[in-house]
Amino acid sequence: MTHDELHRKLTEQLRTMPLGTSADITDFAIAYWDGHKVVYAFLRDEGCGRVEEEFEFTEHEFEQWADALADWEKEPKFSARPEILEWLKDAPPFEAG
């Protein structure tokens, strides 16, 4: 799997899931669909599961997290995150064009 393949896979999966769903790609990072694109975000350090901040998912992160991402690909994990749903409650649905 490459960086681009993972991003495409996340895009395909997340845009068909209910808003507020995250792909738990590592223990400390998630991805979610914002109505237009996949957004990557770090989780807070204290283990509460809340989002800390968004980040750009580059080849560097992909290489650094290769083992965790390979584990996620084998057994994808998703979570419903009410805080994301609240942020996105007015986001438009995905429209294939």
PDB file of N, CA and C in Angstrom:
ATOM      1  N   MET A   1       0.840  -1.169   0.000  1.00  0.00           N
ATOM      2  CA  MET A   1       0.000   0.000   0.000  1.00  0.00           C
ATOM      3  C   MET A   1       0.895   1.245   0.000  1.00  0.00           C
ATOM      4  N   THR A   2       0.490   2.221  -0.781  1.00  0.00           N
ATOM      5  CA  THR A   2       1.206   3.494  -0.830  1.00  0.00           C
ATOM      6  C   THR A   2       0.382   4.576  -0.128  1.00  0.00           C
ATOM      7  N   HIS A   3       0.992   5.728   0.062  1.00  0.00           N
ATOM      8  CA  HIS A   3       0.307   6.878   0.644  1.00  0.00           C
ATOM      9  C   HIS A   3      -0.968   7.187  -0.154  1.00  0.00           C
ATOM     10  N   ASP A   4      -0.844   7.272  -1.477  1.00  0.00           N
ATOM     11  CA  ASP A   4      -1.994   7.601  -2.322  1.00  0.00           C
ATOM     12  C   ASP A   4      -3.068   6.522  -2.275  1.00  0.00           C
ATOM     13  N   GLU A   5      -2.661   5.260  -2.238  1.00  0.00           N
ATOM     14  CA  GLU A   5      -3.643   4.172  -2.146  1.00  0.00           C
ATOM     15  C   GLU A   5      -4.430   4.247  -0.838  1.00  0.00           C
ATOM     16  N   LEU A   6      -3.734   4.511   0.253  1.00  0.00           N
ATOM     17  CA  LEU A   6      -4.423   4.635   1.535  1.00  0.00           C
ATOM     18  C   LEU A   6      -5.391   5.814   1.506  1.00  0.00           C
ATOM     19  N   HIS A   7      -4.956   6.932   0.976  1.00  0.00           N
ATOM     20  CA  HIS A   7      -5.829   8.104   0.908  1.00  0.00           C
ATOM     21  C   HIS A   7      -7.074   7.815   0.061  1.00  0.00           C
ATOM     22  N   ARG A   8      -6.897   7.153  -1.076  1.00  0.00           N
ATOM     23  CA  ARG A   8      -8.047   6.793  -1.920  1.00  0.00           C
ATOM     24  C   ARG A   8      -8.991   5.845  -1.185  1.00  0.00           C
ATOM     25  N   LYS A   9      -8.425   4.868  -0.492  1.00  0.00           N
ATOM     26  CA  LYS A   9      -9.242   3.910   0.264  1.00  0.00           C
ATOM     27  C   LYS A   9     -10.048   4.628   1.344  1.00  0.00           C
ATOM     28  N   LEU A  10      -9.397   5.518   2.083  1.00  0.00           N
ATOM     29  CA  LEU A  10     -10.091   6.269   3.114  1.00  0.00           C
ATOM     30  C   LEU A  10     -11.187   7.145   2.504  1.00  0.00           C
ATOM     31  N   THR A  11     -10.895   7.778   1.384  1.00  0.00           N
ATOM     32  CA  THR A  11     -11.889   8.613   0.713  1.00  0.00           C
ATOM     33  C   THR A  11     -13.109   7.780   0.335  1.00  0.00           C
ATOM     34  N   GLU A  12     -12.886   6.643  -0.298  1.00  0.00           N
ATOM     35  CA  GLU A  12     -13.993   5.774  -0.723  1.00  0.00           C
ATOM     36  C   GLU A  12     -14.822   5.304   0.463  1.00  0.00           C
ATOM     37  N   GLN A  13     -14.165   4.904   1.532  1.00  0.00           N
ATOM     38  CA  GLN A  13     -14.886   4.378   2.687  1.00  0.00           C
ATOM     39  C   GLN A  13     -15.607   5.469   3.469  1.00  0.00           C
ATOM     40  N   LEU A  14     -14.895   6.532   3.803  1.00  0.00           N
ATOM     41  CA  LEU A  14     -15.458   7.540   4.693  1.00  0.00           C
ATOM     42  C   LEU A  14     -16.589   8.348   4.062  1.00  0.00           C
ATOM     43  N   ARG A  15     -16.518   8.589   2.764  1.00  0.00           N
ATOM     44  CA  ARG A  15     -17.580   9.410   2.161  1.00  0.00           C
ATOM     45  C   ARG A  15     -18.915   8.681   2.090  1.00  0.00           C
ATOM     46  N   THR A  16     -18.909   7.365   2.285  1.00  0.00           N
ATOM     47  CA  THR A  16     -20.165   6.612   2.282  1.00  0.00           C
ATOM     48  C   THR A  16     -20.677   6.325   3.688  1.00  0.00           C
ATOM     49  N   MET A  17     -19.906   6.701   4.693  1.00  0.00           N
ATOM     50  CA  MET A  17     -20.296   6.457   6.086  1.00  0.00           C
ATOM     51  C   MET A  17     -20.999   7.689   6.646  1.00  0.00           C
ATOM     52  N   PRO A  18     -21.727   7.518   7.738  1.00  0.00           N
ATOM     53  CA  PRO A  18     -22.386   8.675   8.351  1.00  0.00           C
ATOM     54  C   PRO A  18     -21.368   9.736   8.771  1.00  0.00           C
ATOM     55  N   LEU A  19     -21.762  11.004   8.629  1.00  0.00           N
ATOM     56  CA  LEU A  19     -20.894  12.075   9.108  1.00  0.00           C
ATOM     57  C   LEU A  19     -20.587  11.843  10.581  1.00  0.00           C
ATOM     58  N   GLY A  20     -19.391  12.186  10.974  1.00  0.00           N
ATOM     59  CA  GLY A  20     -18.962  11.986  12.354  1.00  0.00           C
ATOM     60  C   GLY A  20     -18.220  10.679  12.561  1.00  0.00           C
ATOM     61  N   THR A  21     -18.113   9.875  11.502  1.00  0.00           N
ATOM     62  CA  THR A  21     -17.373   8.617  11.594  1.00  0.00           C
ATOM     63  C   THR A  21     -15.906   8.885  11.305  1.00  0.00           C
ATOM     64  N   SER A  22     -15.043   8.313  12.123  1.00  0.00           N
ATOM     65  CA  SER A  22     -13.605   8.447  11.880  1.00  0.00           C
ATOM     66  C   SER A  22     -12.997   7.079  11.619  1.00  0.00           C
ATOM     67  N   ALA A  23     -11.962   7.091  10.789  1.00  0.00           N
ATOM     68  CA  ALA A  23     -11.107   5.921  10.623  1.00  0.00           C
ATOM     69  C   ALA A  23      -9.993   6.095  11.632  1.00  0.00           C
ATOM     70  N   ASP A  24      -9.865   5.156  12.550  1.00  0.00           N
ATOM     71  CA  ASP A  24      -8.861   5.245  13.616  1.00  0.00           C
ATOM     72  C   ASP A  24      -7.569   4.630  13.104  1.00  0.00           C
ATOM     73  N   ILE A  25      -6.814   5.423  12.314  1.00  0.00           N
ATOM     74  CA  ILE A  25      -5.677   4.883  11.570  1.00  0.00           C
ATOM     75  C   ILE A  25      -4.478   4.540  12.447  1.00  0.00           C
ATOM     76  N   THR A  26      -4.345   5.189  13.597  1.00  0.00           N
ATOM     77  CA  THR A  26      -3.340   4.826  14.603  1.00  0.00           C
ATOM     78  C   THR A  26      -3.977   5.060  15.967  1.00  0.00           C
ATOM     79  N   ASP A  27      -3.228   4.827  17.029  1.00  0.00           N
ATOM     80  CA  ASP A  27      -3.731   5.105  18.375  1.00  0.00           C
ATOM     81  C   ASP A  27      -3.829   6.601  18.655  1.00  0.00           C
ATOM     82  N   PHE A  28      -3.194   7.410  17.818  1.00  0.00           N
ATOM     83  CA  PHE A  28      -3.122   8.839  18.077  1.00  0.00           C
ATOM     84  C   PHE A  28      -3.579   9.703  16.909  1.00  0.00           C
ATOM     85  N   ALA A  29      -4.026   9.086  15.813  1.00  0.00           N
ATOM     86  CA  ALA A  29      -4.435   9.847  14.635  1.00  0.00           C
ATOM     87  C   ALA A  29      -5.657   9.211  13.984  1.00  0.00           C
ATOM     88  N   ILE A  30      -6.516  10.080  13.453  1.00  0.00           N
ATOM     89  CA  ILE A  30      -7.730   9.628  12.789  1.00  0.00           C
ATOM     90  C   ILE A  30      -7.862  10.337  11.444  1.00  0.00           C
ATOM     91  N   ALA A  31      -8.811   9.849  10.661  1.00  0.00           N
ATOM     92  CA  ALA A  31      -9.206  10.520   9.426  1.00  0.00           C
ATOM     93  C   ALA A  31     -10.727  10.539   9.406  1.00  0.00           C
ATOM     94  N   TYR A  32     -11.300  11.616   8.862  1.00  0.00           N
ATOM     95  CA  TYR A  32     -12.750  11.683   8.734  1.00  0.00           C
ATOM     96  C   TYR A  32     -13.128  12.464   7.480  1.00  0.00           C
ATOM     97  N   TRP A  33     -14.351  12.272   7.012  1.00  0.00           N
ATOM     98  CA  TRP A  33     -14.870  12.951   5.837  1.00  0.00           C
ATOM     99  C   TRP A  33     -15.574  14.219   6.293  1.00  0.00           C
ATOM    100  N   ASP A  34     -15.205  15.367   5.709  1.00  0.00           N
ATOM    101  CA  ASP A  34     -15.814  16.633   6.129  1.00  0.00           C
ATOM    102  C   ASP A  34     -16.928  17.096   5.192  1.00  0.00           C
ATOM    103  N   GLY A  35     -17.333  16.237   4.268  1.00  0.00           N
ATOM    104  CA  GLY A  35     -18.344  16.604   3.290  1.00  0.00           C
ATOM    105  C   GLY A  35     -17.745  16.949   1.943  1.00  0.00           C
ATOM    106  N   HIS A  36     -16.415  17.180   1.924  1.00  0.00           N
ATOM    107  CA  HIS A  36     -15.711  17.530   0.692  1.00  0.00           C
ATOM    108  C   HIS A  36     -14.443  16.702   0.485  1.00  0.00           C
ATOM    109  N   LYS A  37     -13.798  16.379   1.604  1.00  0.00           N
ATOM    110  CA  LYS A  37     -12.497  15.697   1.521  1.00  0.00           C
ATOM    111  C   LYS A  37     -12.217  14.974   2.831  1.00  0.00           C
ATOM    112  N   VAL A  38     -11.174  14.129   2.801  1.00  0.00           N
ATOM    113  CA  VAL A  38     -10.709  13.468   4.012  1.00  0.00           C
ATOM    114  C   VAL A  38      -9.850  14.456   4.791  1.00  0.00           C
ATOM    115  N   VAL A  39     -10.103  14.542   6.079  1.00  0.00           N
ATOM    116  CA  VAL A  39      -9.333  15.391   6.990  1.00  0.00           C
ATOM    117  C   VAL A  39      -8.615  14.466   7.970  1.00  0.00           C
ATOM    118  N   TYR A  40      -7.350  14.747   8.223  1.00  0.00           N
ATOM    119  CA  TYR A  40      -6.554  13.969   9.169  1.00  0.00           C
ATOM    120  C   TYR A  40      -6.369  14.797  10.436  1.00  0.00           C
ATOM    121  N   ALA A  41      -6.447  14.137  11.585  1.00  0.00           N
ATOM    122  CA  ALA A  41      -6.326  14.866  12.849  1.00  0.00           C
ATOM    123  C   ALA A  41      -5.654  14.003  13.910  1.00  0.00           C
ATOM    124  N   PHE A  42      -4.922  14.673  14.785  1.00  0.00           N
ATOM    125  CA  PHE A  42      -4.330  14.008  15.946  1.00  0.00           C
ATOM    126  C   PHE A  42      -5.354  13.976  17.073  1.00  0.00           C
ATOM    127  N   LEU A  43      -5.252  12.957  17.910  1.00  0.00           N
ATOM    128  CA  LEU A  43      -6.066  12.872  19.117  1.00  0.00           C
ATOM    129  C   LEU A  43      -5.280  13.451  20.282  1.00  0.00           C
ATOM    130  N   ARG A  44      -5.975  13.887  21.294  1.00  0.00           N
ATOM    131  CA  ARG A  44      -5.328  14.443  22.489  1.00  0.00           C
ATOM    132  C   ARG A  44      -4.487  13.376  23.188  1.00  0.00           C
ATOM    133  N   ASP A  45      -3.416  13.800  23.799  1.00  0.00           N
ATOM    134  CA  ASP A  45      -2.484  12.901  24.478  1.00  0.00           C
ATOM    135  C   ASP A  45      -3.073  12.190  25.689  1.00  0.00           C
ATOM    136  N   GLU A  46      -4.034  12.796  26.347  1.00  0.00           N
ATOM    137  CA  GLU A  46      -4.525  12.214  27.595  1.00  0.00           C
ATOM    138  C   GLU A  46      -5.428  10.999  27.405  1.00  0.00           C
ATOM    139  N   GLY A  47      -5.601  10.548  26.166  1.00  0.00           N
ATOM    140  CA  GLY A  47      -6.331   9.310  25.932  1.00  0.00           C
ATOM    141  C   GLY A  47      -7.843   9.421  26.021  1.00  0.00           C
ATOM    142  N   CYS A  48      -8.371  10.637  25.927  1.00  0.00           N
ATOM    143  CA  CYS A  48      -9.824  10.835  26.046  1.00  0.00           C
ATOM    144  C   CYS A  48     -10.549  10.588  24.732  1.00  0.00           C
ATOM    145  N   GLY A  49      -9.800  10.449  23.632  1.00  0.00           N
ATOM    146  CA  GLY A  49     -10.416  10.203  22.339  1.00  0.00           C
ATOM    147  C   GLY A  49     -10.876  11.455  21.614  1.00  0.00           C
ATOM    148  N   ARG A  50     -10.647  12.609  22.209  1.00  0.00           N
ATOM    149  CA  ARG A  50     -11.064  13.863  21.572  1.00  0.00           C
ATOM    150  C   ARG A  50      -9.972  14.349  20.613  1.00  0.00           C
ATOM    151  N   VAL A  51     -10.417  15.096  19.619  1.00  0.00           N
ATOM    152  CA  VAL A  51      -9.507  15.588  18.592  1.00  0.00           C
ATOM    153  C   VAL A  51      -8.688  16.758  19.125  1.00  0.00           C
ATOM    154  N   GLU A  52      -7.387  16.722  18.842  1.00  0.00           N
ATOM    155  CA  GLU A  52      -6.471  17.801  19.240  1.00  0.00           C
ATOM    156  C   GLU A  52      -6.366  18.835  18.126  1.00  0.00           C
ATOM    157  N   GLU A  53      -5.880  18.393  16.950  1.00  0.00           N
ATOM    158  CA  GLU A  53      -5.699  19.319  15.838  1.00  0.00           C
ATOM    159  C   GLU A  53      -5.573  18.562  14.529  1.00  0.00           C
ATOM    160  N   GLU A  54      -5.908  19.244  13.437  1.00  0.00           N
ATOM    161  CA  GLU A  54      -5.772  18.671  12.102  1.00  0.00           C
ATOM    162  C   GLU A  54      -4.313  18.741  11.665  1.00  0.00           C
ATOM    163  N   PHE A  55      -3.957  17.867  10.733  1.00  0.00           N
ATOM    164  CA  PHE A  55      -2.609  17.906  10.173  1.00  0.00           C
ATOM    165  C   PHE A  55      -2.658  17.444   8.730  1.00  0.00           C
ATOM    166  N   GLU A  56      -1.601  17.750   7.989  1.00  0.00           N
ATOM    167  CA  GLU A  56      -1.481  17.295   6.617  1.00  0.00           C
ATOM    168  C   GLU A  56      -0.796  15.926   6.633  1.00  0.00           C
ATOM    169  N   PHE A  57      -1.463  14.952   6.061  1.00  0.00           N
ATOM    170  CA  PHE A  57      -0.940  13.591   6.014  1.00  0.00           C
ATOM    171  C   PHE A  57      -0.046  13.458   4.784  1.00  0.00           C
ATOM    172  N   THR A  58       1.249  13.438   5.009  1.00  0.00           N
ATOM    173  CA  THR A  58       2.223  13.407   3.915  1.00  0.00           C
ATOM    174  C   THR A  58       2.908  12.041   3.835  1.00  0.00           C
ATOM    175  N   GLU A  59       3.765  11.912   2.863  1.00  0.00           N
ATOM    176  CA  GLU A  59       4.567  10.694   2.725  1.00  0.00           C
ATOM    177  C   GLU A  59       5.397  10.448   3.983  1.00  0.00           C
ATOM    178  N   HIS A  60       5.843  11.516   4.621  1.00  0.00           N
ATOM    179  CA  HIS A  60       6.654  11.371   5.835  1.00  0.00           C
ATOM    180  C   HIS A  60       5.882  10.617   6.921  1.00  0.00           C
ATOM    181  N   GLU A  61       4.645  11.062   7.212  1.00  0.00           N
ATOM    182  CA  GLU A  61       3.836  10.364   8.227  1.00  0.00           C
ATOM    183  C   GLU A  61       3.560   8.932   7.779  1.00  0.00           C
ATOM    184  N   PHE A  62       3.260   8.776   6.509  1.00  0.00           N
ATOM    185  CA  PHE A  62       2.983   7.440   5.992  1.00  0.00           C
ATOM    186  C   PHE A  62       4.155   6.501   6.258  1.00  0.00           C
ATOM    187  N   GLU A  63       5.359   6.949   5.991  1.00  0.00           N
ATOM    188  CA  GLU A  63       6.546   6.121   6.218  1.00  0.00           C
ATOM    189  C   GLU A  63       6.788   5.882   7.704  1.00  0.00           C
ATOM    190  N   GLN A  64       6.627   6.927   8.526  1.00  0.00           N
ATOM    191  CA  GLN A  64       6.855   6.803   9.968  1.00  0.00           C
ATOM    192  C   GLN A  64       5.860   5.854  10.631  1.00  0.00           C
ATOM    193  N   TRP A  65       4.648   5.818  10.130  1.00  0.00           N
ATOM    194  CA  TRP A  65       3.576   5.031  10.747  1.00  0.00           C
ATOM    195  C   TRP A  65       3.262   3.762   9.958  1.00  0.00           C
ATOM    196  N   ALA A  66       4.184   3.306   9.131  1.00  0.00           N
ATOM    197  CA  ALA A  66       3.933   2.197   8.211  1.00  0.00           C
ATOM    198  C   ALA A  66       3.375   0.963   8.914  1.00  0.00           C
ATOM    199  N   ASP A  67       3.924   0.573  10.038  1.00  0.00           N
ATOM    200  CA  ASP A  67       3.450  -0.631  10.731  1.00  0.00           C
ATOM    201  C   ASP A  67       2.015  -0.472  11.221  1.00  0.00           C
ATOM    202  N   ALA A  68       1.722   0.663  11.847  1.00  0.00           N
ATOM    203  CA  ALA A  68       0.364   0.900  12.349  1.00  0.00           C
ATOM    204  C   ALA A  68      -0.635   0.980  11.198  1.00  0.00           C
ATOM    205  N   LEU A  69      -0.240   1.602  10.086  1.00  0.00           N
ATOM    206  CA  LEU A  69      -1.138   1.716   8.941  1.00  0.00           C
ATOM    207  C   LEU A  69      -1.371   0.364   8.279  1.00  0.00           C
ATOM    208  N   ALA A  70      -0.347  -0.478   8.251  1.00  0.00           N
ATOM    209  CA  ALA A  70      -0.519  -1.834   7.718  1.00  0.00           C
ATOM    210  C   ALA A  70      -1.481  -2.623   8.601  1.00  0.00           C
ATOM    211  N   ASP A  71      -1.372  -2.449   9.916  1.00  0.00           N
ATOM    212  CA  ASP A  71      -2.312  -3.102  10.840  1.00  0.00           C
ATOM    213  C   ASP A  71      -3.727  -2.598  10.603  1.00  0.00           C
ATOM    214  N   TRP A  72      -3.892  -1.299  10.412  1.00  0.00           N
ATOM    215  CA  TRP A  72      -5.216  -0.738  10.161  1.00  0.00           C
ATOM    216  C   TRP A  72      -5.804  -1.291   8.854  1.00  0.00           C
ATOM    217  N   GLU A  73      -4.956  -1.398   7.840  1.00  0.00           N
ATOM    218  CA  GLU A  73      -5.444  -1.908   6.556  1.00  0.00           C
ATOM    219  C   GLU A  73      -5.958  -3.349   6.690  1.00  0.00           C
ATOM    220  N   LYS A  74      -5.264  -4.162   7.508  1.00  0.00           N
ATOM    221  CA  LYS A  74      -5.689  -5.553   7.723  1.00  0.00           C
ATOM    222  C   LYS A  74      -6.990  -5.622   8.504  1.00  0.00           C
ATOM    223  N   GLU A  75      -7.146  -4.736   9.472  1.00  0.00           N
ATOM    224  CA  GLU A  75      -8.328  -4.730  10.334  1.00  0.00           C
ATOM    225  C   GLU A  75      -8.755  -3.278  10.587  1.00  0.00           C
ATOM    226  N   PRO A  76      -9.442  -2.671   9.599  1.00  0.00           N
ATOM    227  CA  PRO A  76      -9.852  -1.270   9.739  1.00  0.00           C
ATOM    228  C   PRO A  76     -10.748  -1.058  10.956  1.00  0.00           C
ATOM    229  N   LYS A  77     -10.491   0.035  11.660  1.00  0.00           N
ATOM    230  CA  LYS A  77     -11.290   0.396  12.830  1.00  0.00           C
ATOM    231  C   LYS A  77     -11.897   1.769  12.591  1.00  0.00           C
ATOM    232  N   PHE A  78     -13.178   1.875  12.909  1.00  0.00           N
ATOM    233  CA  PHE A  78     -13.906   3.125  12.745  1.00  0.00           C
ATOM    234  C   PHE A  78     -14.611   3.451  14.051  1.00  0.00           C
ATOM    235  N   SER A  79     -14.816   4.738  14.292  1.00  0.00           N
ATOM    236  CA  SER A  79     -15.511   5.186  15.500  1.00  0.00           C
ATOM    237  C   SER A  79     -16.505   6.280  15.137  1.00  0.00           C
ATOM    238  N   ALA A  80     -17.599   6.325  15.891  1.00  0.00           N
ATOM    239  CA  ALA A  80     -18.523   7.453  15.801  1.00  0.00           C
ATOM    240  C   ALA A  80     -18.017   8.502  16.781  1.00  0.00           C
ATOM    241  N   ARG A  81     -17.815   9.706  16.309  1.00  0.00           N
ATOM    242  CA  ARG A  81     -17.276  10.778  17.147  1.00  0.00           C
ATOM    243  C   ARG A  81     -18.251  11.950  17.164  1.00  0.00           C
ATOM    244  N   PRO A  82     -19.024  12.072  18.238  1.00  0.00           N
ATOM    245  CA  PRO A  82     -20.029  13.141  18.319  1.00  0.00           C
ATOM    246  C   PRO A  82     -19.460  14.542  18.110  1.00  0.00           C
ATOM    247  N   GLU A  83     -18.231  14.793  18.541  1.00  0.00           N
ATOM    248  CA  GLU A  83     -17.678  16.140  18.373  1.00  0.00           C
ATOM    249  C   GLU A  83     -17.492  16.463  16.894  1.00  0.00           C
ATOM    250  N   ILE A  84     -17.094  15.482  16.091  1.00  0.00           N
ATOM    251  CA  ILE A  84     -16.952  15.707  14.649  1.00  0.00           C
ATOM    252  C   ILE A  84     -18.328  15.916  14.034  1.00  0.00           C
ATOM    253  N   LEU A  85     -19.280  15.110  14.433  1.00  0.00           N
ATOM    254  CA  LEU A  85     -20.643  15.261  13.923  1.00  0.00           C
ATOM    255  C   LEU A  85     -21.162  16.662  14.210  1.00  0.00           C
ATOM    256  N   GLU A  86     -20.898  17.181  15.374  1.00  0.00           N
ATOM    257  CA  GLU A  86     -21.346  18.538  15.721  1.00  0.00           C
ATOM    258  C   GLU A  86     -20.700  19.566  14.797  1.00  0.00           C
ATOM    259  N   TRP A  87     -19.398  19.420  14.521  1.00  0.00           N
ATOM    260  CA  TRP A  87     -18.715  20.355  13.632  1.00  0.00           C
ATOM    261  C   TRP A  87     -19.305  20.311  12.225  1.00  0.00           C
ATOM    262  N   LEU A  88     -19.722  19.098  11.810  1.00  0.00           N
ATOM    263  CA  LEU A  88     -20.106  18.875  10.414  1.00  0.00           C
ATOM    264  C   LEU A  88     -21.612  18.818  10.180  1.00  0.00           C
ATOM    265  N   LYS A  89     -22.397  19.160  11.147  1.00  0.00           N
ATOM    266  CA  LYS A  89     -23.839  18.977  11.012  1.00  0.00           C
ATOM    267  C   LYS A  89     -24.427  19.671   9.795  1.00  0.00           C
ATOM    268  N   ASP A  90     -23.791  20.702   9.291  1.00  0.00           N
ATOM    269  CA  ASP A  90     -24.287  21.396   8.113  1.00  0.00           C
ATOM    270  C   ASP A  90     -23.474  21.098   6.856  1.00  0.00           C
ATOM    271  N   ALA A  91     -22.558  20.142   6.924  1.00  0.00           N
ATOM    272  CA  ALA A  91     -21.729  19.807   5.766  1.00  0.00           C
ATOM    273  C   ALA A  91     -22.585  19.137   4.699  1.00  0.00           C
ATOM    274  N   PRO A  92     -22.338  19.445   3.434  1.00  0.00           N
ATOM    275  CA  PRO A  92     -23.123  18.822   2.364  1.00  0.00           C
ATOM    276  C   PRO A  92     -22.739  17.371   2.171  1.00  0.00           C
ATOM    277  N   PRO A  93     -23.673  16.531   1.726  1.00  0.00           N
ATOM    278  CA  PRO A  93     -23.323  15.149   1.423  1.00  0.00           C
ATOM    279  C   PRO A  93     -22.448  15.085   0.180  1.00  0.00           C
ATOM    280  N   PHE A  94     -21.732  14.005   0.044  1.00  0.00           N
ATOM    281  CA  PHE A  94     -20.875  13.828  -1.128  1.00  0.00           C
ATOM    282  C   PHE A  94     -21.753  13.591  -2.342  1.00  0.00           C
ATOM    283  N   GLU A  95     -21.434  14.269  -3.434  1.00  0.00           N
ATOM    284  CA  GLU A  95     -22.149  14.053  -4.679  1.00  0.00           C
ATOM    285  C   GLU A  95     -21.118  13.664  -5.726  1.00  0.00           C
ATOM    286  N   ALA A  96     -21.247  12.427  -6.226  1.00  0.00           N
ATOM    287  CA  ALA A  96     -20.338  11.966  -7.270  1.00  0.00           C
ATOM    288  C   ALA A  96     -20.613  12.769  -8.538  1.00  0.00           C
ATOM    289  N   GLY A  97     -19.574  13.176  -9.201  1.00  0.00           N
ATOM    290  CA  GLY A  97     -19.785  14.027 -10.359  1.00  0.00           C
ATOM    291  C   GLY A  97     -19.081  13.596 -11.527  1.00  0.00           C
TER     292      GLY A  97
END
